[in-house]
Protein backbone atom coordinates (compact mmCIF):
# COMPACT_ATOMS: atom_id res chain seq x y z
CA MET A 1 78.30 -17.74 -6.66
CA ILE A 2 81.24 -16.14 -4.50
CA LYS A 3 84.54 -18.29 -3.92
CA LEU A 4 86.25 -16.51 -1.08
CA TYR A 5 90.09 -17.92 -2.14
CA PRO A 6 91.30 -19.87 -5.28
CA ASP A 7 92.47 -22.74 -4.91
CA ARG A 8 96.15 -22.73 -4.96
CA THR A 9 97.72 -22.15 -2.62
CA PHE A 10 100.51 -19.12 -2.85
CA PRO A 11 97.34 -16.95 -4.51
CA ALA A 12 95.04 -17.93 -1.75
CA PHE A 13 98.05 -17.11 1.16
CA LEU A 14 97.99 -13.92 -0.64
CA ARG A 15 94.65 -13.48 -0.31
CA VAL A 16 94.32 -14.09 3.43
CA LEU A 17 97.29 -11.83 4.14
CA GLY A 18 95.96 -8.94 2.58
CA ASP A 19 92.52 -9.68 3.62
CA LEU A 20 94.56 -9.77 8.12
CA ILE A 21 96.26 -6.81 6.81
CA THR A 22 93.23 -4.38 6.07
CA LEU A 23 91.55 -6.08 8.72
CA ALA A 24 94.84 -5.01 11.17
CA TRP A 25 94.60 -1.55 9.92
CA THR A 26 91.02 -0.98 9.76
CA VAL A 27 90.91 -1.78 14.21
CA ALA A 28 94.42 -0.28 14.45
CA TRP A 29 93.04 3.28 13.60
CA GLY A 30 89.57 2.38 14.89
CA ALA A 31 91.31 2.17 18.21
CA LEU A 32 92.94 5.43 17.46
CA GLY A 33 89.77 7.45 16.86
CA TRP A 34 88.10 5.97 19.77
CA LEU A 35 91.45 6.69 21.25
CA VAL A 36 90.91 10.64 20.45
CA TYR A 37 87.97 9.93 21.20
CA ARG A 38 88.07 9.14 24.80
CA THR A 39 90.75 11.44 25.16
CA VAL A 40 89.16 14.60 24.68
CA LEU A 41 86.04 13.23 26.57
CA GLY A 42 87.89 13.71 29.52
CA LEU A 43 87.96 17.54 28.86
CA GLN A 44 84.29 17.18 29.96
CA VAL A 45 86.02 16.77 34.11
CA ILE A 46 86.04 20.49 33.49
CA ALA A 47 82.53 21.49 32.05
CA ASP A 48 81.09 18.85 35.41
CA GLY A 49 83.79 21.14 36.96
CA ILE A 50 81.91 24.08 36.04
CA THR A 51 78.17 22.68 36.91
CA SER A 52 79.61 21.86 40.14
CA THR A 53 80.73 25.71 40.86
CA GLY A 54 77.32 26.69 39.75
CA THR A 55 75.60 23.84 41.67
CA THR A 56 76.68 24.65 44.54
CA PHE A 57 76.39 28.92 43.96
CA ASN A 58 73.03 28.22 44.47
CA ALA A 59 72.69 26.10 47.35
CA TRP A 60 74.70 28.99 49.06
CA ILE A 61 72.18 31.10 47.71
CA ASP A 62 69.29 29.25 48.55
CA SER A 63 70.93 28.73 52.31
CA PHE A 64 71.03 33.15 52.13
CA ARG A 65 67.47 32.90 50.77
CA ASN A 66 66.45 31.32 54.47
CA ALA A 67 69.09 32.84 56.35
CA VAL A 68 66.87 36.77 55.67
CA PRO A 69 64.68 37.52 58.62
CA GLY A 70 61.51 37.72 57.55
CA GLY A 71 59.03 41.05 58.45
CA ILE A 72 61.55 43.87 58.11
CA PRO A 73 59.95 46.40 54.95
CA LEU A 74 61.76 47.00 52.26
CA LEU A 75 65.56 45.09 53.72
CA THR A 76 63.80 41.17 53.82
CA GLN A 77 62.42 42.25 50.20
CA PHE A 78 66.22 44.02 48.95
CA LEU A 79 67.32 40.67 50.34
CA LEU A 80 65.46 38.45 48.39
CA ASP A 81 66.09 40.05 44.90
CA THR A 82 69.59 40.59 45.31
CA ALA A 83 69.29 36.43 46.28
CA ASP A 84 67.72 36.31 42.53
CA ALA A 85 69.95 38.74 41.06
CA LEU A 86 72.56 36.71 42.63
CA ARG A 87 71.22 33.52 41.03
CA ARG A 88 70.24 34.74 38.17
CA TYR A 89 73.87 36.05 36.66
CA SER A 90 76.12 33.82 38.72
CA GLY A 91 75.16 30.04 39.52
CA ASP A 92 71.91 29.85 36.64
CA SER A 93 74.82 30.61 34.10
CA LEU A 94 77.07 28.56 35.09
CA VAL A 95 75.24 25.68 35.55
CA SER A 96 74.18 26.61 32.30
CA ALA A 97 77.57 27.08 30.95
CA GLY A 98 79.09 24.35 32.15
CA HIS A 99 76.12 22.06 30.24
CA GLN A 100 76.60 24.07 26.95
CA VAL A 101 81.05 23.02 27.21
CA HIS A 102 79.33 18.72 27.63
CA ASP A 103 77.44 18.86 25.08
CA ALA A 104 80.12 20.94 22.86
CA ILE A 105 83.17 18.64 23.81
CA LEU A 106 81.10 15.83 22.86
CA GLN A 107 80.21 16.79 19.79
CA LEU A 108 84.13 17.61 19.04
CA ALA A 109 85.74 14.41 20.92
CA ILE A 110 83.09 12.48 17.62
CA VAL A 111 84.25 15.26 15.56
CA LEU A 112 87.62 14.66 16.18
CA ALA A 113 87.39 10.47 16.49
CA VAL A 114 85.64 10.34 13.30
CA LEU A 115 88.00 12.85 11.31
CA VAL A 116 91.06 10.70 13.18
CA ALA A 117 89.87 6.77 12.06
CA VAL A 118 87.11 7.05 8.94
CA PRO A 119 89.56 8.54 5.60
CA PRO A 120 92.22 6.09 6.55
CA ILE A 121 90.36 3.34 6.89
CA LEU A 122 87.73 4.27 4.20
CA LEU A 123 91.56 5.09 2.06
CA VAL A 124 92.68 1.17 2.83
CA LEU A 125 88.99 -0.83 3.01
CA VAL A 126 87.14 0.82 -0.29
CA PRO A 127 89.39 -0.09 -2.96
CA TYR A 128 90.69 -3.33 -1.29
CA GLY A 129 86.99 -4.62 -0.45
CA ALA A 130 85.88 -3.82 -4.07
CA TRP A 131 88.53 -5.39 -5.35
CA ARG A 132 88.02 -8.67 -3.19
CA TRP A 133 84.34 -8.44 -3.76
CA ARG A 134 85.17 -8.69 -8.33
CA ASP A 135 87.43 -11.40 -7.48
CA MET A 136 85.36 -13.57 -5.22
CA HIS A 137 82.70 -12.67 -7.66
CA GLU A 138 85.36 -13.55 -10.48
CA ILE A 139 86.12 -16.90 -8.97
CA GLY A 140 82.56 -18.23 -8.22
CA ALA A 141 81.99 -17.73 -11.55
CA ALA A 142 84.45 -19.73 -12.86
CA LEU A 143 83.77 -22.14 -10.15
CA ALA A 144 80.44 -22.11 -11.59
CA PHE A 145 81.19 -22.11 -15.05
CA VAL A 146 83.20 -25.46 -14.43
CA ARG A 147 80.91 -27.77 -12.23
CA ILE A 148 77.59 -26.51 -14.78
CA ALA A 149 80.24 -27.92 -17.72
CA SER A 150 81.18 -31.36 -15.73
CA MET A 151 78.28 -31.96 -14.39
CA THR A 152 76.61 -31.42 -18.30
CA GLY A 153 78.99 -33.62 -19.87
CA ARG A 154 80.55 -30.49 -21.95
CA ALA A 155 84.26 -30.13 -20.64
CA ASP A 156 85.49 -30.56 -23.88
CA GLN A 157 83.89 -27.86 -24.96
CA ALA A 158 84.55 -25.85 -22.10
CA ARG A 159 87.93 -26.57 -22.33
CA ALA A 160 87.47 -25.37 -25.90
CA VAL A 161 86.44 -22.38 -24.59
CA LEU A 162 88.76 -21.84 -22.23
CA ALA A 163 91.59 -22.11 -24.63
CA TYR A 164 89.90 -19.24 -27.00
CA ARG A 165 89.76 -17.42 -23.51
CA ALA A 166 93.07 -17.89 -22.91
CA VAL A 167 94.43 -16.94 -26.00
CA SER A 168 92.67 -14.07 -25.82
CA THR A 169 92.84 -12.36 -22.34
CA LEU A 170 96.82 -14.30 -21.06
CA SER A 171 99.55 -12.00 -21.45
CA PHE A 172 101.98 -13.43 -24.10
CA ARG A 173 104.76 -14.50 -21.39
CA GLN A 174 101.58 -16.37 -19.98
CA LEU A 175 100.66 -17.88 -23.00
CA MET A 176 103.88 -19.38 -23.57
CA SER A 177 104.29 -20.21 -20.62
CA ALA A 178 101.59 -22.27 -21.21
CA SER A 179 102.37 -23.96 -23.94
CA ALA A 180 105.60 -23.67 -26.91
CA ASP A 181 102.91 -23.68 -29.59
CA PRO A 182 99.50 -22.18 -28.65
CA VAL A 183 98.35 -21.18 -32.47
CA GLY A 184 98.56 -25.40 -33.02
CA ASP A 185 96.98 -26.06 -29.90
CA ILE A 186 93.93 -24.01 -31.03
CA ALA A 187 95.00 -25.49 -35.12
CA GLU A 188 94.85 -28.92 -33.65
CA HIS A 189 92.40 -29.02 -31.04
CA ARG A 190 94.70 -30.05 -28.61
CA TYR A 191 93.06 -27.18 -25.57
CA GLU A 192 94.11 -28.79 -22.33
CA ARG A 193 97.04 -26.97 -21.96
CA LEU A 194 95.89 -23.86 -22.23
CA ALA A 195 92.46 -24.40 -20.19
CA ASP A 196 94.50 -25.45 -18.05
CA ALA A 197 96.25 -22.39 -18.07
CA MET A 198 93.16 -20.61 -17.85
CA LEU A 199 91.79 -22.29 -15.09
CA TRP A 200 94.26 -21.13 -12.97
CA ARG A 201 94.76 -17.71 -14.02
CA ALA A 202 90.40 -17.80 -12.62
CA GLY A 203 91.98 -19.25 -9.71
CA LEU A 204 90.71 -22.89 -10.08
CA ASP A 205 92.24 -26.23 -9.72
CA PRO A 206 92.28 -28.29 -13.69
CA SER A 207 91.30 -31.18 -12.09
CA ARG A 208 87.71 -29.34 -10.95
CA LEU A 209 87.34 -30.25 -14.47
CA ALA A 210 86.55 -33.34 -15.57
CA PRO A 211 89.35 -35.17 -17.70
CA PRO A 212 88.97 -35.35 -21.35
CA GLU A 213 88.01 -39.09 -23.21
CA LEU A 214 89.91 -40.92 -24.83
CA PRO A 215 89.34 -41.78 -28.19
CA GLU A 216 87.94 -45.39 -28.53
CA LEU A 217 90.34 -47.58 -29.38
CA PRO A 218 89.61 -50.74 -31.54
CA ALA A 219 89.12 -53.93 -30.41
CA HIS A 220 91.48 -56.14 -31.19
CA ARG A 221 90.92 -59.21 -33.14
CA ASP A 222 92.44 -62.09 -34.10
CA ASP A 223 92.07 -64.09 -37.37
């Protein structure tokens, strides 16, 4: 069972605040990474310019080939070979270089965006997310413990378990804040205060556990 937030207002507020801060941190660094990506990607206009220049050269060369007069021995073939050489070493090479630069800029944009955004996000999200996951499971497990004890009518036994757990896990300051005489409470089976302190520590309102059963008073007889 998972319970997102404790019953108490202040601890719940702190967790909501932590969730919002973590979310804002993640969104901010994600936006910064996206900005870096778009900024670097803007350099692709240079690559597109190189490709466009190569395409223009090829268009000129094609126009030159079409203008070469035919039927002139040696000269026609020489001009066609020259046009092919110009296309191979100028236009085609520029088009190929433009495509390579375009792809390299895209890869660089992705790498820089990841390097800018991911480490700060993981630095906060991983430890906080792991702690919140454990916290939600812990509160949910405590709620399941309380519900089962209430449904089965074993609230008094559950208080005893909680009281012993309070003595073993709470700090001395928390223990003495819960009860002026924790040892006496355990010895005399007064579990309510220690159990309530443990439930508060677990993030639950003690009222979730069924109220302790009052001993039956003997019937009054009129003689």
